[in-house]
């Protein structure tokens, strides 16, 4: 499913070594779709919560 790819932007003219892309699981695709349907304010809350969980600082 191609809905998980980000916009390419400007690509360099020379070849650049890139890590191999991993396929997304069905759950990851579902989470991305849910996140993209949120309002910008709600996305910010989710980003803060995930960052807090990842850094062990507690939530929000």
PDB file of N, CA and C in Angstrom:
ATOM      1  N   UNK A   1       0.859  -1.177   0.000  1.00  0.00           N
ATOM      2  CA  UNK A   1       0.000   0.000   0.000  1.00  0.00           C
ATOM      3  C   UNK A   1       0.904   1.238   0.000  1.00  0.00           C
ATOM      4  N   UNK A   2       0.658   2.166  -0.872  1.00  0.00           N
ATOM      5  CA  UNK A   2       1.525   3.321  -1.045  1.00  0.00           C
ATOM      6  C   UNK A   2       1.161   4.496  -0.150  1.00  0.00           C
ATOM      7  N   UNK A   3       0.099   4.422   0.639  1.00  0.00           N
ATOM      8  CA  UNK A   3      -0.336   5.579   1.413  1.00  0.00           C
ATOM      9  C   UNK A   3       0.608   5.899   2.575  1.00  0.00           C
ATOM     10  N   UNK A   4       1.629   5.083   2.833  1.00  0.00           N
ATOM     11  CA  UNK A   4       2.536   5.315   3.962  1.00  0.00           C
ATOM     12  C   UNK A   4       3.790   6.073   3.551  1.00  0.00           C
ATOM     13  N   UNK A   5       4.007   6.293   2.263  1.00  0.00           N
ATOM     14  CA  UNK A   5       5.209   6.981   1.810  1.00  0.00           C
ATOM     15  C   UNK A   5       5.052   8.490   1.941  1.00  0.00           C
ATOM     16  N   UNK A   6       6.123   9.126   2.346  1.00  0.00           N
ATOM     17  CA  UNK A   6       6.129  10.580   2.489  1.00  0.00           C
ATOM     18  C   UNK A   6       6.470  11.223   1.136  1.00  0.00           C
ATOM     19  N   UNK A   7       6.228  12.522   1.022  1.00  0.00           N
ATOM     20  CA  UNK A   7       6.586  13.258  -0.184  1.00  0.00           C
ATOM     21  C   UNK A   7       8.094  13.196  -0.377  1.00  0.00           C
ATOM     22  N   UNK A   8       8.529  13.049  -1.606  1.00  0.00           N
ATOM     23  CA  UNK A   8       9.946  12.858  -1.894  1.00  0.00           C
ATOM     24  C   UNK A   8      10.742  14.146  -1.768  1.00  0.00           C
ATOM     25  N   UNK A   9      10.152  15.277  -2.081  1.00  0.00           N
ATOM     26  CA  UNK A   9      10.903  16.527  -2.044  1.00  0.00           C
ATOM     27  C   UNK A   9      11.915  16.569  -3.167  1.00  0.00           C
ATOM     28  N   UNK A  10      13.003  17.264  -2.966  1.00  0.00           N
ATOM     29  CA  UNK A  10      14.058  17.368  -3.978  1.00  0.00           C
ATOM     30  C   UNK A  10      15.050  16.237  -3.767  1.00  0.00           C
ATOM     31  N   UNK A  11      15.290  15.463  -4.796  1.00  0.00           N
ATOM     32  CA  UNK A  11      16.213  14.349  -4.722  1.00  0.00           C
ATOM     33  C   UNK A  11      17.599  14.790  -5.195  1.00  0.00           C
ATOM     34  N   UNK A  12      18.659  14.314  -4.529  1.00  0.00           N
ATOM     35  CA  UNK A  12      20.009  14.658  -4.994  1.00  0.00           C
ATOM     36  C   UNK A  12      20.273  14.034  -6.361  1.00  0.00           C
ATOM     37  N   UNK A  13      21.100  14.691  -7.168  1.00  0.00           N
ATOM     38  CA  UNK A  13      21.420  14.175  -8.497  1.00  0.00           C
ATOM     39  C   UNK A  13      22.324  12.958  -8.415  1.00  0.00           C
ATOM     40  N   UNK A  14      23.225  12.937  -7.444  1.00  0.00           N
ATOM     41  CA  UNK A  14      24.121  11.804  -7.271  1.00  0.00           C
ATOM     42  C   UNK A  14      23.451  10.735  -6.422  1.00  0.00           C
ATOM     43  N   UNK A  15      23.828   9.493  -6.664  1.00  0.00           N
ATOM     44  CA  UNK A  15      23.290   8.407  -5.852  1.00  0.00           C
ATOM     45  C   UNK A  15      23.790   8.536  -4.420  1.00  0.00           C
ATOM     46  N   UNK A  16      22.904   8.308  -3.491  1.00  0.00           N
ATOM     47  CA  UNK A  16      23.240   8.386  -2.080  1.00  0.00           C
ATOM     48  C   UNK A  16      22.865   7.060  -1.443  1.00  0.00           C
ATOM     49  N   UNK A  17      23.755   6.528  -0.610  1.00  0.00           N
ATOM     50  CA  UNK A  17      23.455   5.273   0.075  1.00  0.00           C
ATOM     51  C   UNK A  17      22.308   5.504   1.055  1.00  0.00           C
ATOM     52  N   UNK A  18      21.281   4.721   0.917  1.00  0.00           N
ATOM     53  CA  UNK A  18      20.098   4.830   1.771  1.00  0.00           C
ATOM     54  C   UNK A  18      19.856   3.472   2.426  1.00  0.00           C
ATOM     55  N   UNK A  19      19.430   3.475   3.682  1.00  0.00           N
ATOM     56  CA  UNK A  19      19.067   2.188   4.286  1.00  0.00           C
ATOM     57  C   UNK A  19      17.850   1.614   3.575  1.00  0.00           C
ATOM     58  N   UNK A  20      17.775   0.306   3.524  1.00  0.00           N
ATOM     59  CA  UNK A  20      16.646  -0.355   2.876  1.00  0.00           C
ATOM     60  C   UNK A  20      15.370  -0.063   3.662  1.00  0.00           C
ATOM     61  N   UNK A  21      14.307   0.325   2.945  1.00  0.00           N
ATOM     62  CA  UNK A  21      13.031   0.614   3.596  1.00  0.00           C
ATOM     63  C   UNK A  21      12.399  -0.685   4.062  1.00  0.00           C
ATOM     64  N   UNK A  22      11.847  -0.654   5.264  1.00  0.00           N
ATOM     65  CA  UNK A  22      11.133  -1.807   5.795  1.00  0.00           C
ATOM     66  C   UNK A  22       9.652  -1.664   5.461  1.00  0.00           C
ATOM     67  N   UNK A  23       9.018  -2.773   5.226  1.00  0.00           N
ATOM     68  CA  UNK A  23       7.574  -2.758   4.977  1.00  0.00           C
ATOM     69  C   UNK A  23       6.844  -2.434   6.265  1.00  0.00           C
ATOM     70  N   UNK A  24       5.733  -1.735   6.143  1.00  0.00           N
ATOM     71  CA  UNK A  24       4.899  -1.428   7.301  1.00  0.00           C
ATOM     72  C   UNK A  24       3.941  -2.586   7.561  1.00  0.00           C
ATOM     73  N   UNK A  25       3.690  -2.830   8.834  1.00  0.00           N
ATOM     74  CA  UNK A  25       2.693  -3.838   9.184  1.00  0.00           C
ATOM     75  C   UNK A  25       1.307  -3.222   9.013  1.00  0.00           C
ATOM     76  N   UNK A  26       0.301  -4.064   9.053  1.00  0.00           N
ATOM     77  CA  UNK A  26      -1.078  -3.580   8.954  1.00  0.00           C
ATOM     78  C   UNK A  26      -1.393  -2.632  10.112  1.00  0.00           C
ATOM     79  N   UNK A  27      -0.888  -2.942  11.299  1.00  0.00           N
ATOM     80  CA  UNK A  27      -1.131  -2.090  12.465  1.00  0.00           C
ATOM     81  C   UNK A  27      -0.469  -0.728  12.295  1.00  0.00           C
ATOM     82  N   UNK A  28       0.748  -0.706  11.759  1.00  0.00           N
ATOM     83  CA  UNK A  28       1.446   0.562  11.531  1.00  0.00           C
ATOM     84  C   UNK A  28       0.712   1.417  10.508  1.00  0.00           C
ATOM     85  N   UNK A  29       0.216   0.787   9.446  1.00  0.00           N
ATOM     86  CA  UNK A  29      -0.556   1.532   8.441  1.00  0.00           C
ATOM     87  C   UNK A  29      -1.819   2.111   9.057  1.00  0.00           C
ATOM     88  N   UNK A  30      -2.487   1.340   9.908  1.00  0.00           N
ATOM     89  CA  UNK A  30      -3.700   1.801  10.573  1.00  0.00           C
ATOM     90  C   UNK A  30      -3.397   2.990  11.483  1.00  0.00           C
ATOM     91  N   UNK A  31      -2.302   2.918  12.238  1.00  0.00           N
ATOM     92  CA  UNK A  31      -1.913   4.023  13.106  1.00  0.00           C
ATOM     93  C   UNK A  31      -1.599   5.286  12.301  1.00  0.00           C
ATOM     94  N   UNK A  32      -0.893   5.132  11.191  1.00  0.00           N
ATOM     95  CA  UNK A  32      -0.585   6.291  10.343  1.00  0.00           C
ATOM     96  C   UNK A  32      -1.852   6.925   9.783  1.00  0.00           C
ATOM     97  N   UNK A  33      -2.776   6.097   9.321  1.00  0.00           N
ATOM     98  CA  UNK A  33      -4.030   6.614   8.774  1.00  0.00           C
ATOM     99  C   UNK A  33      -4.803   7.373   9.854  1.00  0.00           C
ATOM    100  N   UNK A  34      -4.878   6.791  11.052  1.00  0.00           N
ATOM    101  CA  UNK A  34      -5.560   7.446  12.175  1.00  0.00           C
ATOM    102  C   UNK A  34      -4.904   8.788  12.486  1.00  0.00           C
ATOM    103  N   UNK A  35      -3.582   8.802  12.584  1.00  0.00           N
ATOM    104  CA  UNK A  35      -2.841  10.022  12.921  1.00  0.00           C
ATOM    105  C   UNK A  35      -3.083  11.119  11.880  1.00  0.00           C
ATOM    106  N   UNK A  36      -3.052  10.753  10.616  1.00  0.00           N
ATOM    107  CA  UNK A  36      -3.221  11.743   9.541  1.00  0.00           C
ATOM    108  C   UNK A  36      -4.630  12.318   9.494  1.00  0.00           C
ATOM    109  N   UNK A  37      -5.592  11.599  10.023  1.00  0.00           N
ATOM    110  CA  UNK A  37      -6.968  12.099  10.040  1.00  0.00           C
ATOM    111  C   UNK A  37      -7.242  13.031  11.217  1.00  0.00           C
ATOM    112  N   UNK A  38      -6.307  13.126  12.164  1.00  0.00           N
ATOM    113  CA  UNK A  38      -6.468  14.006  13.317  1.00  0.00           C
ATOM    114  C   UNK A  38      -6.252  15.459  12.921  1.00  0.00           C
ATOM    115  N   UNK A  39      -6.856  16.355  13.676  1.00  0.00           N
ATOM    116  CA  UNK A  39      -6.607  17.781  13.509  1.00  0.00           C
ATOM    117  C   UNK A  39      -5.171  18.066  13.954  1.00  0.00           C
ATOM    118  N   UNK A  40      -4.603  19.155  13.493  1.00  0.00           N
ATOM    119  CA  UNK A  40      -3.213  19.499  13.805  1.00  0.00           C
ATOM    120  C   UNK A  40      -2.977  19.573  15.321  1.00  0.00           C
ATOM    121  N   UNK A  41      -3.922  20.135  16.046  1.00  0.00           N
ATOM    122  CA  UNK A  41      -3.800  20.255  17.508  1.00  0.00           C
ATOM    123  C   UNK A  41      -3.726  18.869  18.162  1.00  0.00           C
ATOM    124  N   UNK A  42      -4.540  17.943  17.690  1.00  0.00           N
ATOM    125  CA  UNK A  42      -4.542  16.590  18.235  1.00  0.00           C
ATOM    126  C   UNK A  42      -3.251  15.842  17.873  1.00  0.00           C
ATOM    127  N   UNK A  43      -2.725  16.101  16.667  1.00  0.00           N
ATOM    128  CA  UNK A  43      -1.455  15.503  16.277  1.00  0.00           C
ATOM    129  C   UNK A  43      -0.343  15.956  17.215  1.00  0.00           C
ATOM    130  N   UNK A  44      -0.364  17.218  17.614  1.00  0.00           N
ATOM    131  CA  UNK A  44       0.644  17.746  18.526  1.00  0.00           C
ATOM    132  C   UNK A  44       0.590  17.021  19.872  1.00  0.00           C
ATOM    133  N   UNK A  45      -0.605  16.765  20.375  1.00  0.00           N
ATOM    134  CA  UNK A  45      -0.763  16.044  21.643  1.00  0.00           C
ATOM    135  C   UNK A  45      -0.173  14.638  21.517  1.00  0.00           C
ATOM    136  N   UNK A  46      -0.462  13.970  20.412  1.00  0.00           N
ATOM    137  CA  UNK A  46       0.068  12.625  20.188  1.00  0.00           C
ATOM    138  C   UNK A  46       1.591  12.660  20.116  1.00  0.00           C
ATOM    139  N   UNK A  47       2.151  13.630  19.377  1.00  0.00           N
ATOM    140  CA  UNK A  47       3.616  13.739  19.275  1.00  0.00           C
ATOM    141  C   UNK A  47       4.243  13.930  20.649  1.00  0.00           C
ATOM    142  N   UNK A  48       3.654  14.794  21.471  1.00  0.00           N
ATOM    143  CA  UNK A  48       4.188  15.044  22.810  1.00  0.00           C
ATOM    144  C   UNK A  48       4.119  13.791  23.673  1.00  0.00           C
ATOM    145  N   UNK A  49       3.027  13.064  23.591  1.00  0.00           N
ATOM    146  CA  UNK A  49       2.874  11.851  24.385  1.00  0.00           C
ATOM    147  C   UNK A  49       3.886  10.788  23.961  1.00  0.00           C
ATOM    148  N   UNK A  50       4.064  10.606  22.658  1.00  0.00           N
ATOM    149  CA  UNK A  50       5.022   9.615  22.159  1.00  0.00           C
ATOM    150  C   UNK A  50       6.442  10.008  22.552  1.00  0.00           C
ATOM    151  N   UNK A  51       6.771  11.285  22.417  1.00  0.00           N
ATOM    152  CA  UNK A  51       8.102  11.755  22.808  1.00  0.00           C
ATOM    153  C   UNK A  51       8.338  11.519  24.300  1.00  0.00           C
ATOM    154  N   UNK A  52       7.334  11.805  25.125  1.00  0.00           N
ATOM    155  CA  UNK A  52       7.464  11.596  26.569  1.00  0.00           C
ATOM    156  C   UNK A  52       7.664  10.118  26.888  1.00  0.00           C
ATOM    157  N   UNK A  53       6.929   9.256  26.214  1.00  0.00           N
ATOM    158  CA  UNK A  53       7.093   7.817  26.432  1.00  0.00           C
ATOM    159  C   UNK A  53       8.471   7.343  25.980  1.00  0.00           C
ATOM    160  N   UNK A  54       8.947   7.864  24.852  1.00  0.00           N
ATOM    161  CA  UNK A  54      10.239   7.449  24.318  1.00  0.00           C
ATOM    162  C   UNK A  54      11.406   7.915  25.179  1.00  0.00           C
ATOM    163  N   UNK A  55      11.268   9.052  25.825  1.00  0.00           N
ATOM    164  CA  UNK A  55      12.352   9.589  26.631  1.00  0.00           C
ATOM    165  C   UNK A  55      12.201   9.271  28.109  1.00  0.00           C
ATOM    166  N   UNK A  56      11.082   8.651  28.494  1.00  0.00           N
ATOM    167  CA  UNK A  56      10.852   8.272  29.877  1.00  0.00           C
ATOM    168  C   UNK A  56      10.531   9.431  30.799  1.00  0.00           C
ATOM    169  N   UNK A  57      10.029  10.534  30.231  1.00  0.00           N
ATOM    170  CA  UNK A  57       9.705  11.724  31.040  1.00  0.00           C
ATOM    171  C   UNK A  57       8.283  11.733  31.566  1.00  0.00           C
ATOM    172  N   UNK A  58       7.520  10.739  31.304  1.00  0.00           N
ATOM    173  CA  UNK A  58       6.109  10.779  31.692  1.00  0.00           C
ATOM    174  C   UNK A  58       5.298  11.418  30.577  1.00  0.00           C
ATOM    175  N   UNK A  59       4.026  11.407  30.716  1.00  0.00           N
ATOM    176  CA  UNK A  59       3.162  11.891  29.639  1.00  0.00           C
ATOM    177  C   UNK A  59       2.706  13.319  29.846  1.00  0.00           C
ATOM    178  N   UNK A  60       2.730  14.084  28.769  1.00  0.00           N
ATOM    179  CA  UNK A  60       2.179  15.420  28.618  1.00  0.00           C
ATOM    180  C   UNK A  60       2.615  16.287  29.737  1.00  0.00           C
TER     181      UNK A  60
END
